C-alpha atoms as a PDB file:
ATOM      1  CA  MET A   1      97.132 120.842 107.517  1.00  0.00           C
ATOM      2  CA  LEU A   2      95.425 120.178 110.428  1.00  0.00           C
ATOM      3  CA  TYR A   3      98.762 119.540 112.428  1.00  0.00           C
ATOM      4  CA  MET A   4     100.481 122.802 111.520  1.00  0.00           C
ATOM      5  CA  GLY A   5      96.685 125.085 112.011  1.00  0.00           C
ATOM      6  CA  ASP A   6      97.893 123.896 115.178  1.00  0.00           C
ATOM      7  CA  ASN A   7     100.638 123.931 116.056  1.00  0.00           C
ATOM      8  CA  ASN A   8     101.915 128.231 114.814  1.00  0.00           C
ATOM      9  CA  GLY A   9     101.858 127.026 111.169  1.00  0.00           C
ATOM     10  CA  SER A  10     105.046 124.192 111.585  1.00  0.00           C
ATOM     11  CA  LEU A  11     105.107 120.650 112.181  1.00  0.00           C
ATOM     12  CA  PHE A  12     107.221 118.639 114.897  1.00  0.00           C
ATOM     13  CA  HIS A  13     111.150 119.019 115.025  1.00  0.00           C
ATOM     14  CA  HIS A  14     113.254 116.507 114.399  1.00  0.00           C
ATOM     15  CA  HIS A  15     116.583 118.400 115.480  1.00  0.00           C
ATOM     16  CA  GLU A  16     116.777 122.179 115.773  1.00  0.00           C
ATOM     17  CA  GLY A  17     120.769 121.877 114.138  1.00  0.00           C
ATOM     18  CA  TRP A  18     121.867 122.712 110.471  1.00  0.00           C
ATOM     19  CA  VAL A  19     121.553 119.875 108.552  1.00  0.00           C
ATOM     20  CA  LEU A  20     124.242 119.243 105.613  1.00  0.00           C
ATOM     21  CA  ASP A  21     123.922 117.990 102.491  1.00  0.00           C
ATOM     22  CA  ASP A  22     125.826 114.322 104.283  1.00  0.00           C
ATOM     23  CA  GLY A  23     123.127 114.358 107.032  1.00  0.00           C
ATOM     24  CA  SER A  24     125.104 116.013 109.706  1.00  0.00           C
ATOM     25  CA  GLN A  25     124.751 118.833 111.493  1.00  0.00           C
ATOM     26  CA  VAL A  26     126.021 121.299 112.774  1.00  0.00           C
ATOM     27  CA  ASP A  27     124.937 124.584 115.244  1.00  0.00           C
ATOM     28  CA  VAL A  28     125.806 127.706 112.791  1.00  0.00           C
ATOM     29  CA  LEU A  29     124.589 128.607 109.917  1.00  0.00           C
ATOM     30  CA  PRO A  30     127.513 127.158 107.228  1.00  0.00           C
ATOM     31  CA  ALA A  31     129.145 130.681 105.311  1.00  0.00           C
ATOM     32  CA  SER A  32     128.953 129.255 101.814  1.00  0.00           C
ATOM     33  CA  PRO A  33     127.329 126.625  99.816  1.00  0.00           C
ATOM     34  CA  ALA A  34     130.862 124.777  99.506  1.00  0.00           C
ATOM     35  CA  ALA A  35     130.893 124.424 103.152  1.00  0.00           C
ATOM     36  CA  CYS A  36     127.269 122.682 103.402  1.00  0.00           C
ATOM     37  CA  ALA A  37     128.621 119.870 101.801  1.00  0.00           C
ATOM     38  CA  GLY A  38     129.193 117.605 105.561  1.00  0.00           C
ATOM     39  CA  GLY A  39     131.644 117.335 107.602  1.00  0.00           C
ATOM     40  CA  GLY A  40     129.341 117.657 110.750  1.00  0.00           C
ATOM     41  CA  GLN A  41     128.273 115.831 113.852  1.00  0.00           C
ATOM     42  CA  GLY A  42     126.027 113.054 112.961  1.00  0.00           C
ATOM     43  CA  ASN A  43     122.427 112.861 114.657  1.00  0.00           C
ATOM     44  CA  SER A  44     122.051 111.169 118.066  1.00  0.00           C
ATOM     45  CA  GLN A  45     118.507 111.864 118.610  1.00  0.00           C
ATOM     46  CA  ALA A  46     115.421 108.731 117.314  1.00  0.00           C
ATOM     47  CA  GLU A  47     113.406 109.069 114.780  1.00  0.00           C
ATOM     48  CA  LYS A  48     109.941 110.503 114.770  1.00  0.00           C
ATOM     49  CA  PRO A  49     107.568 108.686 112.975  1.00  0.00           C
ATOM     50  CA  TRP A  50     105.195 111.491 111.555  1.00  0.00           C
ATOM     51  CA  VAL A  51     101.815 109.104 110.983  1.00  0.00           C
ATOM     52  CA  ILE A  52     102.248 108.708 114.748  1.00  0.00           C
ATOM     53  CA  PHE A  53     102.251 112.527 115.788  1.00  0.00           C
ATOM     54  CA  PHE A  54     100.092 112.783 112.388  1.00  0.00           C
ATOM     55  CA  GLN A  55      97.469 110.019 114.673  1.00  0.00           C
ATOM     56  CA  GLN A  56      95.041 112.102 116.113  1.00  0.00           C
ATOM     57  CA  TYR A  57      94.073 113.666 112.373  1.00  0.00           C
ATOM     58  CA  LEU A  58      94.944 110.533 110.357  1.00  0.00           C
ATOM     59  CA  ARG A  59      92.446 108.327 112.699  1.00  0.00           C
ATOM     60  CA  SER A  60      93.327 105.166 110.824  1.00  0.00           C
ATOM     61  CA  ARG A  61      96.851 103.843 110.138  1.00  0.00           C
ATOM     62  CA  ASN A  62      95.592 102.179 107.499  1.00  0.00           C
ATOM     63  CA  VAL A  63      95.189 105.742 105.328  1.00  0.00           C
ATOM     64  CA  ALA A  64      99.146 105.206 105.837  1.00  0.00           C
ATOM     65  CA  PHE A  65      99.970 102.818 102.911  1.00  0.00           C
ATOM     66  CA  CYS A  66      99.076 103.517  99.351  1.00  0.00           C
ATOM     67  CA  PRO A  67      96.951  99.803  98.327  1.00  0.00           C
ATOM     68  CA  ALA A  68      99.550  99.613  95.809  1.00  0.00           C
ATOM     69  CA  ASP A  69     102.552  99.340  98.036  1.00  0.00           C
ATOM     70  CA  LEU A  70     102.193  95.629  97.838  1.00  0.00           C
ATOM     71  CA  THR A  71     105.268  94.664 100.120  1.00  0.00           C
ATOM     72  CA  PRO A  72     104.507  93.110 103.873  1.00  0.00           C
ATOM     73  CA  ARG A  73     102.404  95.701 106.244  1.00  0.00           C
ATOM     74  CA  SER A  74     103.094  96.158 109.888  1.00  0.00           C
ATOM     75  CA  GLN A  75     100.508  94.304 111.408  1.00  0.00           C
ATOM     76  CA  TYR A  76     100.872  95.920 115.018  1.00  0.00           C
ATOM     77  CA  LEU A  77      99.321  99.647 114.228  1.00  0.00           C
ATOM     78  CA  THR A  78     100.996 101.744 116.868  1.00  0.00           C
ATOM     79  CA  GLU A  79      99.122 104.844 117.814  1.00  0.00           C
ATOM     80  CA  ASN A  80     101.804 106.135 120.223  1.00  0.00           C
ATOM     81  CA  LEU A  81     105.369 106.816 120.737  1.00  0.00           C
ATOM     82  CA  ALA A  82     105.251 104.340 123.867  1.00  0.00           C
ATOM     83  CA  GLN A  83     104.286 101.549 121.474  1.00  0.00           C
ATOM     84  CA  TYR A  84     105.843 102.391 118.659  1.00  0.00           C
ATOM     85  CA  ASN A  85     109.564 101.936 120.045  1.00  0.00           C
ATOM     86  CA  GLY A  86     109.135 101.948 124.261  1.00  0.00           C
ATOM     87  CA  GLY A  87     109.625 105.787 124.235  1.00  0.00           C
ATOM     88  CA  ILE A  88     113.037 105.805 123.119  1.00  0.00           C
ATOM     89  CA  THR A  89     114.868 108.996 122.514  1.00  0.00           C
ATOM     90  CA  GLU A  90     118.680 107.733 121.221  1.00  0.00           C
ATOM     91  CA  VAL A  91     119.597 106.078 118.321  1.00  0.00           C
ATOM     92  CA  SER A  92     121.436 104.184 120.596  1.00  0.00           C
ATOM     93  CA  GLN A  93     118.713 102.653 122.408  1.00  0.00           C
ATOM     94  CA  SER A  94     117.493  99.957 121.114  1.00  0.00           C
ATOM     95  CA  PRO A  95     113.114  99.406 120.987  1.00  0.00           C
ATOM     96  CA  PRO A  96     111.346  96.923 122.897  1.00  0.00           C
ATOM     97  CA  ALA A  97     111.464  93.173 120.969  1.00  0.00           C
ATOM     98  CA  ASP A  98     107.492  93.585 121.387  1.00  0.00           C
ATOM     99  CA  SER A  99     107.503  97.443 119.690  1.00  0.00           C
ATOM    100  CA  GLU A 100     105.949  98.160 116.001  1.00  0.00           C
ATOM    101  CA  LEU A 101     109.323  99.128 115.437  1.00  0.00           C
ATOM    102  CA  ALA A 102     111.426  96.070 116.464  1.00  0.00           C
ATOM    103  CA  LEU A 103     109.190  94.266 114.538  1.00  0.00           C
ATOM    104  CA  ALA A 104     108.639  96.069 111.148  1.00  0.00           C
ATOM    105  CA  LEU A 105     112.944  96.148 111.626  1.00  0.00           C
ATOM    106  CA  LYS A 106     112.989  92.026 112.902  1.00  0.00           C
ATOM    107  CA  GLU A 107     110.667  91.156 109.653  1.00  0.00           C
ATOM    108  CA  ARG A 108     111.269  94.151 106.971  1.00  0.00           C
ATOM    109  CA  LEU A 109     107.899  95.228 107.379  1.00  0.00           C
ATOM    110  CA  THR A 110     106.921  99.232 105.993  1.00  0.00           C
ATOM    111  CA  ILE A 111     105.477 100.847 108.906  1.00  0.00           C
ATOM    112  CA  GLN A 112     103.925 103.501 105.470  1.00  0.00           C
ATOM    113  CA  SER A 113     103.753 104.089 101.868  1.00  0.00           C
ATOM    114  CA  TYR A 114     104.791 107.622 101.781  1.00  0.00           C
ATOM    115  CA  LEU A 115     107.593 109.681 102.486  1.00  0.00           C
ATOM    116  CA  LEU A 116     107.720 113.522 104.234  1.00  0.00           C
ATOM    117  CA  ASP A 117     109.234 115.753 102.358  1.00  0.00           C
ATOM    118  CA  SER A 118     112.165 116.794 105.721  1.00  0.00           C
ATOM    119  CA  ILE A 119     112.516 120.155 104.758  1.00  0.00           C
ATOM    120  CA  PHE A 120     109.525 120.490 107.523  1.00  0.00           C
ATOM    121  CA  THR A 121     110.886 118.725 110.098  1.00  0.00           C
ATOM    122  CA  HIS A 122     115.111 119.768 109.340  1.00  0.00           C
ATOM    123  CA  ARG A 123     116.835 122.589 108.750  1.00  0.00           C
ATOM    124  CA  SER A 124     118.625 122.336 105.693  1.00  0.00           C
ATOM    125  CA  ALA A 125     122.085 124.388 105.346  1.00  0.00           C
ATOM    126  CA  ARG A 126     121.507 124.142 102.245  1.00  0.00           C
ATOM    127  CA  TYR A 127     118.617 126.022 101.471  1.00  0.00           C
ATOM    128  CA  ALA A 128     119.168 128.486 103.742  1.00  0.00           C
ATOM    129  CA  VAL A 129     122.326 130.029 102.819  1.00  0.00           C
ATOM    130  CA  GLU A 130     121.444 129.794  99.009  1.00  0.00           C
ATOM    131  CA  GLY A 131     117.857 132.370 100.409  1.00  0.00           C
ATOM    132  CA  VAL A 132     115.390 129.513  99.304  1.00  0.00           C
ATOM    133  CA  LEU A 133     114.540 128.362 103.184  1.00  0.00           C
ATOM    134  CA  SER A 134     115.575 130.601 106.571  1.00  0.00           C
ATOM    135  CA  GLY A 135     114.576 128.136 108.283  1.00  0.00           C
ATOM    136  CA  PHE A 136     112.068 125.164 108.709  1.00  0.00           C
ATOM    137  CA  ALA A 137     109.264 125.057 105.848  1.00  0.00           C
ATOM    138  CA  THR A 138     106.427 126.157 107.754  1.00  0.00           C
ATOM    139  CA  GLU A 139     103.381 127.898 106.265  1.00  0.00           C
ATOM    140  CA  SER A 140     104.031 131.100 106.314  1.00  0.00           C
ATOM    141  CA  LEU A 141     107.493 130.626 104.791  1.00  0.00           C
ATOM    142  CA  VAL A 142     105.847 127.971 102.022  1.00  0.00           C
ATOM    143  CA  SER A 143     103.271 131.081 101.170  1.00  0.00           C
ATOM    144  CA  ALA A 144     106.400 133.242 101.026  1.00  0.00           C
ATOM    145  CA  LEU A 145     107.618 131.535  98.259  1.00  0.00           C
ATOM    146  CA  PRO A 146     107.262 132.759  94.500  1.00  0.00           C
ATOM    147  CA  ASN A 147     105.780 129.330  94.072  1.00  0.00           C
ATOM    148  CA  PRO A 148     104.246 127.254  96.464  1.00  0.00           C
ATOM    149  CA  ASN A 149     103.162 124.633  94.998  1.00  0.00           C
ATOM    150  CA  LEU A 150     105.462 122.127  96.346  1.00  0.00           C
ATOM    151  CA  ILE A 151     105.118 118.786  97.192  1.00  0.00           C
ATOM    152  CA  MET A 152     104.675 117.770 100.929  1.00  0.00           C
ATOM    153  CA  PHE A 153     104.736 113.484 100.586  1.00  0.00           C
ATOM    154  CA  SER A 154     106.019 111.595  98.294  1.00  0.00           C
ATOM    155  CA  GLU A 155     105.604 107.243  97.660  1.00  0.00           C
ATOM    156  CA  ARG A 156     108.196 105.524  99.672  1.00  0.00           C
ATOM    157  CA  ASN A 157     110.134 102.911  97.623  1.00  0.00           C
ATOM    158  CA  SER A 158     109.663 100.503 100.082  1.00  0.00           C
ATOM    159  CA  GLU A 159     110.468  97.374  98.088  1.00  0.00           C
ATOM    160  CA  ALA A 160     114.375  98.993  98.018  1.00  0.00           C
ATOM    161  CA  LEU A 161     114.440 100.495 101.618  1.00  0.00           C
ATOM    162  CA  ASN A 162     113.029  97.302 102.792  1.00  0.00           C
ATOM    163  CA  ALA A 163     115.482  94.969 101.350  1.00  0.00           C
ATOM    164  CA  VAL A 164     117.524  93.434 103.285  1.00  0.00           C
ATOM    165  CA  ASP A 165     120.637  93.413 100.172  1.00  0.00           C
ATOM    166  CA  ASN A 166     120.623  97.219 100.481  1.00  0.00           C
ATOM    167  CA  ASP A 167     123.312  97.817 102.086  1.00  0.00           C
ATOM    168  CA  VAL A 168     123.253 100.880 100.577  1.00  0.00           C
ATOM    169  CA  TYR A 169     120.554 102.895 101.857  1.00  0.00           C
ATOM    170  CA  GLY A 170     117.976 100.828 103.019  1.00  0.00           C
ATOM    171  CA  ASN A 171     116.435 101.739 105.841  1.00  0.00           C
ATOM    172  CA  VAL A 172     113.367 100.234 106.942  1.00  0.00           C
ATOM    173  CA  ASN A 173     112.112 102.702 109.473  1.00  0.00           C
ATOM    174  CA  GLN A 174     113.000 105.658 106.647  1.00  0.00           C
ATOM    175  CA  ASP A 175     110.070 107.848 106.834  1.00  0.00           C
ATOM    176  CA  ASP A 176     111.288 111.512 104.991  1.00  0.00           C
ATOM    177  CA  TYR A 177     113.638 112.373 102.910  1.00  0.00           C
ATOM    178  CA  ASP A 178     115.901 115.256 101.334  1.00  0.00           C
ATOM    179  CA  THR A 179     115.470 117.167  98.895  1.00  0.00           C
ATOM    180  CA  TRP A 180     118.854 119.141  99.108  1.00  0.00           C
ATOM    181  CA  PRO A 181     121.487 116.628  98.340  1.00  0.00           C
ATOM    182  CA  GLY A 182     120.293 116.134  95.090  1.00  0.00           C
ATOM    183  CA  GLU A 183     118.000 114.397  92.640  1.00  0.00           C
ATOM    184  CA  ALA A 184     120.184 111.050  92.589  1.00  0.00           C
ATOM    185  CA  ALA A 185     119.319 110.027  95.941  1.00  0.00           C
ATOM    186  CA  LEU A 186     115.327 110.698  95.584  1.00  0.00           C
ATOM    187  CA  VAL A 187     115.171 108.291  92.317  1.00  0.00           C
ATOM    188  CA  ARG A 188     118.800 107.282  91.136  1.00  0.00           C
ATOM    189  CA  TRP A 189     121.673 106.712  93.822  1.00  0.00           C
ATOM    190  CA  GLY A 190     123.812 105.585  91.313  1.00  0.00           C
ATOM    191  CA  VAL A 191     125.674 102.646  93.049  1.00  0.00           C
ATOM    192  CA  GLY A 192     125.049  98.807  94.616  1.00  0.00           C
ATOM    193  CA  LYS A 193     122.529  96.766  93.529  1.00  0.00           C
ATOM    194  CA  TYR A 194     119.239  99.096  94.097  1.00  0.00           C
ATOM    195  CA  GLY A 195     121.541 102.067  92.345  1.00  0.00           C
ATOM    196  CA  ASP A 196     118.787 102.591  89.205  1.00  0.00           C
ATOM    197  CA  GLN A 197     116.235 103.120  91.888  1.00  0.00           C
ATOM    198  CA  GLY A 198     116.350 105.718  94.653  1.00  0.00           C
ATOM    199  CA  TRP A 199     114.032 106.583  97.861  1.00  0.00           C
ATOM    200  CA  LEU A 200     110.786 107.483  96.080  1.00  0.00           C
ATOM    201  CA  ARG A 201     108.795 105.426  94.076  1.00  0.00           C
ATOM    202  CA  LEU A 202     108.219 106.454  90.859  1.00  0.00           C
ATOM    203  CA  ASP A 203     106.026 103.671  88.898  1.00  0.00           C
ATOM    204  CA  ARG A 204     103.627 102.395  92.028  1.00  0.00           C
ATOM    205  CA  HIS A 205     100.746 103.868  89.434  1.00  0.00           C
ATOM    206  CA  GLY A 206     101.556 101.944  85.763  1.00  0.00           C
ATOM    207  CA  ARG A 207     104.493 105.372  84.939  1.00  0.00           C
ATOM    208  CA  ALA A 208     103.763 107.468  87.949  1.00  0.00           C
ATOM    209  CA  SER A 209     103.650 108.107  91.541  1.00  0.00           C
ATOM    210  CA  ASN A 210     101.019 109.858  93.594  1.00  0.00           C
ATOM    211  CA  TYR A 211     102.384 112.676  95.035  1.00  0.00           C
ATOM    212  CA  ILE A 212     100.561 115.498  98.247  1.00  0.00           C
ATOM    213  CA  TYR A 213     100.924 119.314  98.226  1.00  0.00           C
ATOM    214  CA  THR A 214     101.635 121.606 100.942  1.00  0.00           C
ATOM    215  CA  ASP A 215      97.777 122.907  99.757  1.00  0.00           C
ATOM    216  CA  GLY A 216      96.704 119.306 100.844  1.00  0.00           C
ATOM    217  CA  HIS A 217      95.529 118.156  96.820  1.00  0.00           C
ATOM    218  CA  ALA A 218      97.268 115.316  95.294  1.00  0.00           C
ATOM    219  CA  ALA A 219      98.096 114.494  92.007  1.00  0.00           C
ATOM    220  CA  ARG A 220      99.788 111.273  90.094  1.00  0.00           C
ATOM    221  CA  LEU A 221     101.851 112.504  88.062  1.00  0.00           C
ATOM    222  CA  PRO A 222     105.606 111.385  85.940  1.00  0.00           C
ATOM    223  CA  TRP A 223     108.960 112.377  87.848  1.00  0.00           C
ATOM    224  CA  LYS A 224     109.349 114.903  84.740  1.00  0.00           C
ATOM    225  CA  GLU A 225     106.633 116.544  86.275  1.00  0.00           C
ATOM    226  CA  ALA A 226     106.907 116.423  89.692  1.00  0.00           C
ATOM    227  CA  ARG A 227     110.911 116.909  90.158  1.00  0.00           C
ATOM    228  CA  LEU A 228     110.908 120.665  90.173  1.00  0.00           C
ATOM    229  CA  ASP A 229     107.921 120.612  93.163  1.00  0.00           C
ATOM    230  CA  GLN A 230     110.306 118.436  95.507  1.00  0.00           C
ATOM    231  CA  PHE A 231     112.593 121.478  95.784  1.00  0.00           C
ATOM    232  CA  PRO A 232     111.601 124.732  97.581  1.00  0.00           C
ATOM    233  CA  ASP A 233     112.285 127.113  94.997  1.00  0.00           C
ATOM    234  CA  HIS A 234     111.564 124.470  91.696  1.00  0.00           C
ATOM    235  CA  ILE A 235     115.339 124.058  91.011  1.00  0.00           C
ATOM    236  CA  VAL A 236     116.805 120.346  90.763  1.00  0.00           C
ATOM    237  CA  ARG A 237     119.989 120.018  92.908  1.00  0.00           C
ATOM    238  CA  ARG A 238     122.694 118.253  91.252  1.00  0.00           C
ATOM    239  CA  PRO A 239     120.237 117.258  88.623  1.00  0.00           C
ATOM    240  CA  LEU A 240     121.050 113.629  86.955  1.00  0.00           C
ATOM    241  CA  ALA A 241     121.342 114.207  83.003  1.00  0.00           C
ATOM    242  CA  GLN A 242     119.473 112.087  81.767  1.00  0.00           C
ATOM    243  CA  PRO A 243     116.831 111.544  84.845  1.00  0.00           C
ATOM    244  CA  PRO A 244     113.749 109.031  85.221  1.00  0.00           C
ATOM    245  CA  PRO A 245     110.826 109.739  82.483  1.00  0.00           C
END
């Protein structure tokens, strides 16, 4: 990826803490997998949207939309953080009313159709403790994996994430996803009105969706063929007893 090539093989970092399964953080890596479940500190930093950080390489924001994603889209396609969210740095801050993020939140608009695998921008405590990834996924760490065929972008379940009545995992500005908490969060949350779905859209194109891999190639796959490639060691965390086909 061009961005990684220009930045010593790395992507931007959301924060430097170790992220636990519940999304909280700790400064010191836990001593065991069991200690990675949760109970850390909350994250106070504002989101860092990949679609803005990659803008100089995308050239056009429209390439971040899938033609088959028919959810209402953001019409104010900005190119920098000042326009996107006013340059806010803390989640306690509100974006300016005329910013892209504020308008998208108000109208429940899709900002991009793809989610970035967060191993590139977050340090997973579980993967580090299990000896899978020692920190942020970089070009060198990924290439050193026994099987580096790893998904980097998946199709965003915009219908569920933008839904006003999704009070379980709805999040208009979500642009990435964590794989280490397990398969349920990705495809079948299990509770709530949208419990039969998850962060990822699995059937955007018939019974399959498009996935972009770390080496740049794309593939249209059903979930049963894509699920292993979501995990850096190709072992599904907390696999569903009956995963989607």
